[in-house]
Amino acid sequence: MAHTAPLEGSVPQSVQDQFITEPPGISVESWVSDLNIPWSLVFLPDGRGLVSERRGQIRLIGPGGQLAQKPYATLQVAAHGEGGLTGLALHPKFPESPYVYVMLTRQEREGSANAVIRLKHEGDHAQFDRDIVVGIPAGTFHDGGRIAFGPDGMLYIGTGDSTHPGFAKDLHSPAGKILRVTAEGEIPSDNPFAGSPIYSYGHRNVQGLAWHPQSGMLFASEHGPTGEFGLHARDEINLIKPGGNYGWPDATCAVSRPKLIDPLVCWADASVPPGGIAFAGNDLLVATLRSEALIRIQFLGSGDRYRVIAIQRWFASSRSSGRYGRLRDVVAGPDGTFYVLTSNRDGRGRARPGDDHILRIHLPP
């Protein structure tokens, strides 16, 4: 189906990005090295970590950063392009409910498709338990992949448009959406569209999900176009409201239209693009890929109203050159530090010694 070119909006933030190659008071160390395209990291209550590698393995990490030789789980995935083994999440009542949730791309009779499955944790390994959500369109690109449980105990799933822009605004398709289901994969009765897992729509490719620690509002990172309709860049940070339409493919950046929700941040001049996100107090940390920076966004506001007052690009000296290369995810650790996954072995980056890493970042108090 043909689509008209999106309405090109303005940049919503009033501040310029500031490059800080050496952020004061911040130290960085390699916690784990020699990983194979890590994508998502979660921590077990005992301090151990689980990291997904896109080609199909979940690895177990000891509290001191020791990588177990034996995989925690090995899954059959279709690791083509941006597909494969991606997001991880723990059941909110873990370990009483000993389940690990996984988003992945599977090869099926009709072709590849994305799904969320559940594994049962058994100490140093896990076994397949059941499918949770299936039939999410997959493509070589724009596969989404981020999953997380919210403060409400529901599972949120970020999907991409699978290179079919029209899917993003189609309320009959799970592609280009943020989905919301129960831990059993059922549709909550208070979802914005009755009988549907769709929580928000009009997304091109959701890559990060995080909840503000005070307001409980959901924030999401999203990739902008890479040639569709002749457009590039326009990556976004969005504040997610139930039932909201975030514009794709009808609009990019801030268009100030009543039926569309504008982003909080839109980078219109050069591709970022963002990966996973995490809050450090009131500040949002954003792992970025092509721009190779860990971005810190400072906000003023509360509830569902926020204004950006500063954007800092850490460890980077330009829009495409950073000390640690491509950064896929940033995660708050149980020890008060933050953990950042590099993605230099994914075919788009330049491998550095020991890649890929999980970096441990100490922020000042």
Protein backbone atom coordinates (compact mmCIF):
# COMPACT_ATOMS: atom_id res chain seq x y z
CA MET A 1 0.00 0.00 0.00
CA ALA A 2 1.39 3.41 -0.97
CA HIS A 3 1.64 6.14 1.65
CA THR A 4 2.09 9.86 1.30
CA ALA A 5 5.24 11.36 2.78
CA PRO A 6 5.01 12.09 6.52
CA LEU A 7 4.35 15.59 7.77
CA GLU A 8 7.76 16.82 8.95
CA GLY A 9 7.47 18.58 12.29
CA SER A 10 9.86 20.70 14.30
CA VAL A 11 12.33 19.72 17.00
CA PRO A 12 10.44 19.90 20.32
CA GLN A 13 13.41 20.51 22.64
CA SER A 14 14.85 24.00 22.99
CA VAL A 15 18.37 22.91 23.99
CA GLN A 16 21.37 21.78 21.95
CA ASP A 17 23.24 18.54 22.63
CA GLN A 18 26.44 19.05 24.62
CA PHE A 19 29.40 16.70 23.99
CA ILE A 20 31.26 15.62 27.13
CA THR A 21 34.06 13.21 26.26
CA GLU A 22 35.20 12.91 29.89
CA PRO A 23 32.14 13.29 32.17
CA PRO A 24 33.42 14.56 35.54
CA GLY A 25 33.08 12.21 38.51
CA ILE A 26 32.21 9.19 36.35
CA SER A 27 34.31 6.05 36.14
CA VAL A 28 33.94 3.17 33.66
CA GLU A 29 35.24 -0.38 33.82
CA SER A 30 34.67 -3.51 31.75
CA TRP A 31 32.53 -5.89 33.83
CA VAL A 32 32.19 -8.65 31.20
CA SER A 33 34.02 -9.02 27.88
CA ASP A 34 34.03 -11.27 24.79
CA LEU A 35 30.25 -11.41 24.34
CA ASN A 36 28.60 -12.10 21.00
CA ILE A 37 26.26 -9.19 20.17
CA PRO A 38 24.64 -8.71 23.61
CA TRP A 39 21.18 -7.17 23.52
CA SER A 40 19.50 -7.18 26.94
CA LEU A 41 20.60 -7.55 30.58
CA VAL A 42 18.56 -8.36 33.68
CA PHE A 43 19.65 -9.04 37.25
CA LEU A 44 18.44 -11.93 39.41
CA PRO A 45 17.66 -11.17 43.09
CA ASP A 46 20.89 -12.92 44.17
CA GLY A 47 22.99 -10.44 42.16
CA ARG A 48 23.71 -12.66 39.19
CA GLY A 49 22.95 -11.36 35.71
CA LEU A 50 21.43 -12.78 32.55
CA VAL A 51 22.47 -11.35 29.19
CA SER A 52 20.97 -12.26 25.82
CA GLU A 53 23.21 -12.71 22.78
CA ARG A 54 21.37 -12.04 19.55
CA ARG A 55 22.39 -15.29 17.86
CA GLY A 56 20.51 -17.41 20.37
CA GLN A 57 22.18 -17.79 23.75
CA ILE A 58 21.41 -16.43 27.20
CA ARG A 59 24.53 -16.25 29.36
CA LEU A 60 24.74 -16.35 33.15
CA ILE A 61 27.00 -13.83 34.90
CA GLY A 62 28.22 -14.17 38.50
CA PRO A 63 27.99 -11.18 40.88
CA GLY A 64 31.67 -10.38 40.28
CA GLY A 65 31.29 -10.41 36.51
CA GLN A 66 32.37 -14.02 35.95
CA LEU A 67 30.76 -15.36 32.77
CA ALA A 68 29.57 -18.98 33.13
CA GLN A 69 31.00 -21.20 30.42
CA LYS A 70 27.79 -23.17 29.99
CA PRO A 71 24.89 -21.16 28.48
CA TYR A 72 21.92 -20.52 30.72
CA ALA A 73 19.71 -21.27 27.69
CA THR A 74 20.21 -21.88 23.99
CA LEU A 75 17.25 -21.00 21.76
CA GLN A 76 16.58 -21.55 18.09
CA VAL A 77 16.25 -18.11 16.53
CA ALA A 78 16.20 -16.55 13.07
CA ALA A 79 19.14 -14.18 13.59
CA HIS A 80 18.84 -12.32 10.30
CA GLY A 81 19.40 -8.56 10.11
CA GLU A 82 18.04 -7.04 13.32
CA GLY A 83 16.17 -10.19 14.34
CA GLY A 84 17.22 -12.94 16.71
CA LEU A 85 17.32 -13.14 20.50
CA THR A 86 16.59 -9.69 21.93
CA GLY A 87 14.69 -8.61 25.05
CA LEU A 88 14.72 -10.17 28.52
CA ALA A 89 12.49 -9.54 31.55
CA LEU A 90 11.91 -11.25 34.91
CA HIS A 91 8.48 -12.05 36.30
CA PRO A 92 7.65 -9.26 38.80
CA LYS A 93 7.26 -11.88 41.57
CA PHE A 94 10.51 -13.69 40.76
CA PRO A 95 11.69 -16.05 42.29
CA GLU A 96 8.33 -17.08 43.74
CA SER A 97 7.17 -17.14 40.11
CA PRO A 98 10.48 -18.39 38.60
CA TYR A 99 10.03 -17.17 35.03
CA VAL A 100 12.25 -15.36 32.55
CA TYR A 101 10.53 -13.72 29.58
CA VAL A 102 12.31 -13.59 26.23
CA MET A 103 11.58 -11.82 22.94
CA LEU A 104 12.95 -13.52 19.85
CA THR A 105 12.56 -14.06 16.12
CA ARG A 106 11.54 -17.56 15.04
CA GLN A 107 11.45 -19.22 11.65
CA GLU A 108 7.94 -20.48 10.96
CA ARG A 109 6.24 -22.09 7.97
CA GLU A 110 5.01 -18.76 6.63
CA GLY A 111 8.37 -17.08 7.29
CA SER A 112 9.96 -15.46 10.31
CA ALA A 113 7.89 -13.92 13.11
CA ASN A 114 8.62 -12.32 16.46
CA ALA A 115 7.31 -13.77 19.70
CA VAL A 116 7.60 -13.45 23.46
CA ILE A 117 8.14 -16.76 25.24
CA ARG A 118 8.61 -17.75 28.87
CA LEU A 119 11.40 -19.86 30.35
CA LYS A 120 11.37 -21.53 33.77
CA HIS A 121 14.40 -20.67 35.87
CA GLU A 122 16.18 -23.72 37.31
CA GLY A 123 19.22 -22.30 39.09
CA ASP A 124 22.02 -22.21 36.54
CA HIS A 125 19.87 -22.91 33.49
CA ALA A 126 16.30 -22.53 32.21
CA GLN A 127 13.79 -24.62 30.28
CA PHE A 128 11.08 -23.54 27.84
CA ASP A 129 7.76 -23.07 29.63
CA ARG A 130 5.26 -21.58 27.16
CA ASP A 131 4.53 -18.98 24.49
CA ILE A 132 3.20 -15.66 25.79
CA VAL A 133 2.61 -13.56 22.63
CA VAL A 134 3.09 -14.85 19.09
CA GLY A 135 2.50 -13.61 15.57
CA ILE A 136 4.32 -10.28 15.80
CA PRO A 137 5.48 -9.35 12.28
CA ALA A 138 9.22 -9.66 11.72
CA GLY A 139 11.50 -8.22 9.09
CA THR A 140 15.17 -7.92 8.28
CA PHE A 141 14.94 -4.51 9.95
CA HIS A 142 12.66 -2.74 12.46
CA ASP A 143 12.01 -5.67 14.80
CA GLY A 144 11.64 -3.78 18.09
CA GLY A 145 12.64 -6.26 20.78
CA ARG A 146 12.49 -4.48 24.14
CA ILE A 147 10.28 -6.02 26.86
CA ALA A 148 9.78 -4.94 30.48
CA PHE A 149 7.34 -5.32 33.33
CA GLY A 150 5.83 -2.04 34.49
CA PRO A 151 4.97 -0.89 38.03
CA ASP A 152 1.46 -2.24 37.39
CA GLY A 153 2.79 -5.79 36.98
CA MET A 154 1.94 -5.88 33.29
CA LEU A 155 4.34 -6.90 30.52
CA TYR A 156 5.09 -4.19 27.94
CA ILE A 157 6.46 -5.19 24.53
CA GLY A 158 8.09 -2.79 22.07
CA THR A 159 7.66 -3.78 18.43
CA GLY A 160 8.80 -2.37 15.10
CA ASP A 161 6.92 -1.84 11.85
CA SER A 162 8.94 -4.67 10.20
CA THR A 163 9.62 -2.27 7.26
CA HIS A 164 5.88 -1.92 6.55
CA PRO A 165 5.13 1.65 7.70
CA GLY A 166 1.37 1.23 7.41
CA PHE A 167 1.40 -1.49 10.08
CA ALA A 168 2.29 1.13 12.71
CA LYS A 169 -1.10 2.87 12.52
CA ASP A 170 -3.14 -0.29 11.84
CA LEU A 171 -4.95 -1.23 15.05
CA HIS A 172 -5.35 -4.78 13.75
CA SER A 173 -1.57 -5.33 13.61
CA PRO A 174 0.79 -5.71 16.61
CA ALA A 175 3.66 -4.20 14.58
CA GLY A 176 4.86 -0.65 15.30
CA LYS A 177 3.29 -0.67 18.76
CA ILE A 178 3.81 -0.91 22.46
CA LEU A 179 1.80 -3.93 23.58
CA ARG A 180 0.57 -4.58 27.13
CA VAL A 181 -0.39 -8.03 28.42
CA THR A 182 -0.52 -9.89 31.72
CA ALA A 183 2.25 -12.20 32.86
CA GLU A 184 0.22 -15.04 31.31
CA GLY A 185 -0.14 -13.24 27.99
CA GLU A 186 -3.78 -12.29 28.50
CA ILE A 187 -5.26 -8.93 27.55
CA PRO A 188 -5.87 -6.65 30.58
CA SER A 189 -9.41 -5.37 30.94
CA ASP A 190 -8.15 -1.77 31.29
CA ASN A 191 -6.19 -1.69 28.03
CA PRO A 192 -7.16 1.36 25.91
CA PHE A 193 -8.59 -0.75 23.06
CA ALA A 194 -11.04 -3.42 24.25
CA GLY A 195 -9.87 -6.94 23.49
CA SER A 196 -6.54 -5.73 22.08
CA PRO A 197 -3.00 -5.92 23.50
CA ILE A 198 -2.19 -2.52 21.92
CA TYR A 199 -1.22 0.15 24.45
CA SER A 200 0.11 2.80 22.03
CA TYR A 201 0.67 2.94 18.28
CA GLY A 202 2.24 4.91 15.45
CA HIS A 203 5.76 3.77 16.39
CA ARG A 204 8.41 3.01 13.79
CA ASN A 205 10.77 0.89 15.91
CA VAL A 206 10.59 0.88 19.72
CA GLN A 207 13.96 0.14 21.34
CA GLY A 208 13.75 1.20 24.99
CA LEU A 209 11.18 1.26 27.81
CA ALA A 210 11.56 2.89 31.24
CA TRP A 211 9.26 4.27 33.95
CA HIS A 212 9.89 7.57 35.71
CA PRO A 213 10.70 6.76 39.37
CA GLN A 214 8.37 9.43 40.80
CA SER A 215 5.47 9.76 38.37
CA GLY A 216 5.46 6.17 37.13
CA MET A 217 5.02 7.44 33.56
CA LEU A 218 6.34 5.28 30.74
CA PHE A 219 9.07 6.66 28.46
CA ALA A 220 10.16 4.98 25.22
CA SER A 221 12.98 5.40 22.70
CA GLU A 222 12.31 4.99 19.00
CA HIS A 223 14.27 4.90 15.76
CA GLY A 224 13.44 7.41 13.05
CA PRO A 225 13.47 6.80 9.27
CA THR A 226 16.51 5.54 7.38
CA GLY A 227 15.42 6.43 3.87
CA GLU A 228 11.68 5.89 3.91
CA PHE A 229 9.95 8.75 2.07
CA GLY A 230 13.41 10.25 1.51
CA LEU A 231 13.82 10.98 5.25
CA HIS A 232 16.65 10.20 7.66
CA ALA A 233 17.42 10.63 11.38
CA ARG A 234 14.43 12.01 13.39
CA ASP A 235 14.99 9.55 16.26
CA GLU A 236 12.72 10.16 19.24
CA ILE A 237 12.17 9.94 22.99
CA ASN A 238 8.47 9.70 23.78
CA LEU A 239 6.29 9.96 26.88
CA ILE A 240 3.76 7.15 26.45
CA LYS A 241 0.08 7.61 27.15
CA PRO A 242 -2.46 4.78 26.85
CA GLY A 243 -4.13 4.77 23.46
CA GLY A 244 -1.77 7.41 22.10
CA ASN A 245 -0.90 7.75 18.41
CA TYR A 246 2.77 8.72 18.02
CA GLY A 247 2.53 9.62 14.36
CA TRP A 248 4.41 7.13 12.22
CA PRO A 249 4.09 7.02 9.24
CA ASP A 250 1.93 10.15 9.04
CA ALA A 251 4.31 12.47 10.88
CA THR A 252 7.79 12.75 12.36
CA CYS A 253 9.04 15.03 15.15
CA ALA A 254 6.59 17.55 16.66
CA VAL A 255 3.66 18.50 14.43
CA SER A 256 1.24 19.89 17.05
CA ARG A 257 -1.79 18.03 15.74
CA PRO A 258 -4.63 17.17 18.17
CA LYS A 259 -4.77 13.45 17.27
CA LEU A 260 -0.99 12.90 17.43
CA ILE A 261 1.33 12.94 20.44
CA ASP A 262 4.56 14.85 19.91
CA PRO A 263 7.90 13.49 21.18
CA LEU A 264 9.80 15.05 24.08
CA VAL A 265 13.01 14.85 22.06
CA CYS A 266 13.56 14.50 18.32
CA TRP A 267 17.03 14.45 16.77
CA ALA A 268 16.30 15.67 13.25
CA ASP A 269 19.73 16.55 11.91
CA ALA A 270 21.71 13.30 12.30
CA SER A 271 20.95 9.69 13.18
CA VAL A 272 21.42 8.78 16.84
CA PRO A 273 19.68 6.12 16.98
CA PRO A 274 18.68 5.21 20.56
CA GLY A 275 18.77 1.77 22.14
CA GLY A 276 17.73 0.90 25.68
CA ILE A 277 16.97 3.55 28.31
CA ALA A 278 17.05 3.77 32.11
CA PHE A 279 16.36 6.43 34.73
CA ALA A 280 19.08 7.70 37.04
CA GLY A 281 16.98 9.69 39.48
CA ASN A 282 15.04 12.18 37.33
CA ASP A 283 17.52 11.95 34.46
CA LEU A 284 17.06 9.59 31.53
CA LEU A 285 20.10 7.68 30.28
CA VAL A 286 19.95 6.58 26.64
CA ALA A 287 22.31 4.08 25.01
CA THR A 288 22.93 5.02 21.38
CA LEU A 289 24.20 3.07 18.42
CA ARG A 290 25.54 5.05 15.47
CA SER A 291 26.36 8.12 17.58
CA GLU A 292 28.26 5.93 20.10
CA ALA A 293 27.30 8.03 23.13
CA LEU A 294 25.57 7.46 26.41
CA ILE A 295 23.10 10.35 26.40
CA ARG A 296 21.86 11.99 29.60
CA ILE A 297 18.58 13.91 29.31
CA GLN A 298 17.56 16.20 32.15
CA PHE A 299 13.91 17.13 32.63
CA LEU A 300 11.81 19.61 34.53
CA GLY A 301 8.24 18.62 35.26
CA SER A 302 6.11 15.96 36.86
CA GLY A 303 3.05 13.85 36.15
CA ASP A 304 2.55 13.72 32.40
CA ARG A 305 4.22 17.05 31.61
CA TYR A 306 7.99 17.28 31.12
CA ARG A 307 10.35 19.78 29.54
CA VAL A 308 13.90 18.98 28.46
CA ILE A 309 16.47 21.32 30.01
CA ALA A 310 19.74 19.62 29.01
CA ILE A 311 21.03 16.88 26.73
CA GLN A 312 24.57 15.63 27.28
CA ARG A 313 26.40 13.12 25.08
CA TRP A 314 28.89 11.30 27.29
CA PHE A 315 32.07 9.59 25.99
CA ALA A 316 31.64 11.14 22.53
CA SER A 317 33.45 13.95 20.73
CA SER A 318 31.23 14.12 17.65
CA ARG A 319 27.93 12.81 16.33
CA SER A 320 29.47 9.54 15.14
CA SER A 321 32.53 8.90 17.28
CA GLY A 322 32.54 7.57 20.82
CA ARG A 323 35.09 5.95 23.09
CA TYR A 324 33.28 2.62 23.47
CA GLY A 325 31.57 2.31 20.10
CA ARG A 326 27.96 1.30 19.59
CA LEU A 327 25.88 1.07 22.78
CA ARG A 328 22.81 -1.19 22.78
CA ASP A 329 21.37 -0.98 26.30
CA VAL A 330 21.77 0.71 29.67
CA VAL A 331 20.50 -0.94 32.85
CA ALA A 332 20.37 0.11 36.50
CA GLY A 333 22.22 -2.48 38.56
CA PRO A 334 21.37 -3.74 42.06
CA ASP A 335 24.56 -2.13 43.39
CA GLY A 336 23.65 1.45 42.45
CA THR A 337 25.82 1.47 39.32
CA PHE A 338 24.73 1.33 35.68
CA TYR A 339 25.60 -1.30 33.12
CA VAL A 340 25.98 -0.56 29.42
CA LEU A 341 26.07 -3.18 26.65
CA THR A 342 28.26 -2.49 23.62
CA SER A 343 27.23 -3.72 20.15
CA ASN A 344 30.37 -3.55 18.03
CA ARG A 345 30.20 -7.08 16.63
CA ASP A 346 26.78 -6.72 15.03
CA GLY A 347 28.13 -6.02 11.55
CA ARG A 348 27.64 -2.26 11.78
CA GLY A 349 30.38 -1.34 14.19
CA ARG A 350 34.15 -1.59 14.51
CA ALA A 351 35.17 -4.30 16.95
CA ARG A 352 37.46 -3.14 19.75
CA PRO A 353 39.64 -5.36 21.98
CA GLY A 354 37.47 -7.60 24.16
CA ASP A 355 34.23 -6.73 22.37
CA ASP A 356 31.51 -6.99 23.03
CA HIS A 357 31.52 -5.69 26.61
CA ILE A 358 29.21 -4.98 29.47
CA LEU A 359 30.57 -1.76 30.94
CA ARG A 360 30.04 -0.87 34.59
CA ILE A 361 29.55 2.86 35.09
CA HIS A 362 29.81 4.58 38.47
CA LEU A 363 27.91 7.88 38.65
CA PRO A 364 28.67 10.53 41.29
CA PRO A 365 26.28 10.60 44.27
